């Protein structure tokens, strides 16, 4: 099941110790799947590291980050989404 989910994402998986947990490394806008690997290893030396690249790309080509991974790649802010009502 996890392999099927990851098939749609560019990602890095770094194996850890056999009994260790997996640390999910989610980068922010402008980052990529490799940005947090050193930090992840520093935080949890024995953990496996899983770092997906977000699917959303800004208009200028900048990756949106992992937080946008569940949204379709065509998702863009529109004035109606940005408007607040009082």
Protein backbone atom coordinates (compact mmCIF):
# COMPACT_ATOMS: atom_id res chain seq x y z
CA UNK A 1 0.00 0.00 0.00
CA UNK A 2 2.72 2.54 0.90
CA UNK A 3 4.61 1.72 -2.29
CA UNK A 4 1.49 2.46 -4.37
CA UNK A 5 1.04 5.82 -2.64
CA UNK A 6 4.68 6.82 -3.18
CA UNK A 7 4.61 5.82 -6.85
CA UNK A 8 3.01 9.19 -7.67
CA UNK A 9 5.62 11.25 -5.81
CA UNK A 10 9.23 12.11 -6.43
CA UNK A 11 10.74 11.22 -3.09
CA UNK A 12 13.81 10.08 -1.20
CA UNK A 13 13.73 7.13 1.19
CA UNK A 14 16.78 6.54 3.36
CA UNK A 15 16.60 3.24 5.25
CA UNK A 16 17.20 3.27 8.99
CA UNK A 17 17.79 0.68 11.67
CA UNK A 18 15.55 -2.38 11.40
CA UNK A 19 13.47 -1.50 14.47
CA UNK A 20 13.47 2.30 14.06
CA UNK A 21 10.57 4.55 13.17
CA UNK A 22 10.22 6.54 9.96
CA UNK A 23 10.74 10.30 10.10
CA UNK A 24 8.64 12.14 7.51
CA UNK A 25 10.56 15.19 6.25
CA UNK A 26 8.24 17.80 4.72
CA UNK A 27 9.97 20.75 3.08
CA UNK A 28 8.49 24.18 2.46
CA UNK A 29 8.05 26.40 -0.57
CA UNK A 30 11.18 26.58 -2.69
CA UNK A 31 12.65 23.42 -1.17
CA UNK A 32 12.90 19.90 -2.45
CA UNK A 33 12.96 16.37 -1.11
CA UNK A 34 16.67 16.55 -0.19
CA UNK A 35 16.60 19.74 1.91
CA UNK A 36 15.79 18.17 5.28
CA UNK A 37 17.71 14.90 5.08
CA UNK A 38 20.69 16.18 7.11
CA UNK A 39 18.37 17.66 9.74
CA UNK A 40 16.36 14.43 9.87
CA UNK A 41 19.51 12.39 10.36
CA UNK A 42 20.68 14.79 13.11
CA UNK A 43 17.32 14.58 14.91
CA UNK A 44 16.88 10.80 14.63
CA UNK A 45 20.15 9.07 13.69
CA UNK A 46 18.60 5.57 13.56
CA UNK A 47 15.30 6.48 11.86
CA UNK A 48 14.42 5.80 8.26
CA UNK A 49 13.84 9.08 6.41
CA UNK A 50 11.02 9.64 3.96
CA UNK A 51 11.04 12.94 2.08
CA UNK A 52 8.44 13.52 -0.66
CA UNK A 53 8.50 16.43 -3.09
CA UNK A 54 5.29 18.46 -3.17
CA UNK A 55 3.18 18.22 -6.33
CA UNK A 56 2.16 21.87 -6.46
CA UNK A 57 4.32 24.30 -8.42
CA UNK A 58 4.03 28.08 -8.13
CA UNK A 59 3.48 30.16 -11.26
CA UNK A 60 7.19 31.00 -11.39
CA UNK A 61 8.10 27.29 -11.32
CA UNK A 62 9.04 27.19 -7.62
CA UNK A 63 7.97 23.96 -5.87
CA UNK A 64 5.21 24.68 -3.35
CA UNK A 65 6.37 22.17 -0.77
CA UNK A 66 5.18 18.94 0.72
CA UNK A 67 2.24 20.63 2.39
CA UNK A 68 0.61 20.88 -1.04
CA UNK A 69 1.04 17.19 -1.78
CA UNK A 70 -2.61 16.31 -1.28
CA UNK A 71 -3.88 19.04 -3.59
CA UNK A 72 -3.98 18.63 -7.35
CA UNK A 73 -1.13 20.20 -9.32
CA UNK A 74 -3.61 22.58 -10.95
CA UNK A 75 -4.64 24.14 -7.62
CA UNK A 76 -4.02 27.88 -7.75
CA UNK A 77 -5.20 30.65 -5.44
CA UNK A 78 -8.02 32.62 -6.98
CA UNK A 79 -9.50 35.93 -5.82
CA UNK A 80 -12.58 34.12 -4.54
CA UNK A 81 -10.42 31.87 -2.36
CA UNK A 82 -8.49 34.84 -0.99
CA UNK A 83 -11.48 37.02 -0.24
CA UNK A 84 -12.63 37.17 3.37
CA UNK A 85 -16.07 38.20 4.55
CA UNK A 86 -16.88 40.02 7.73
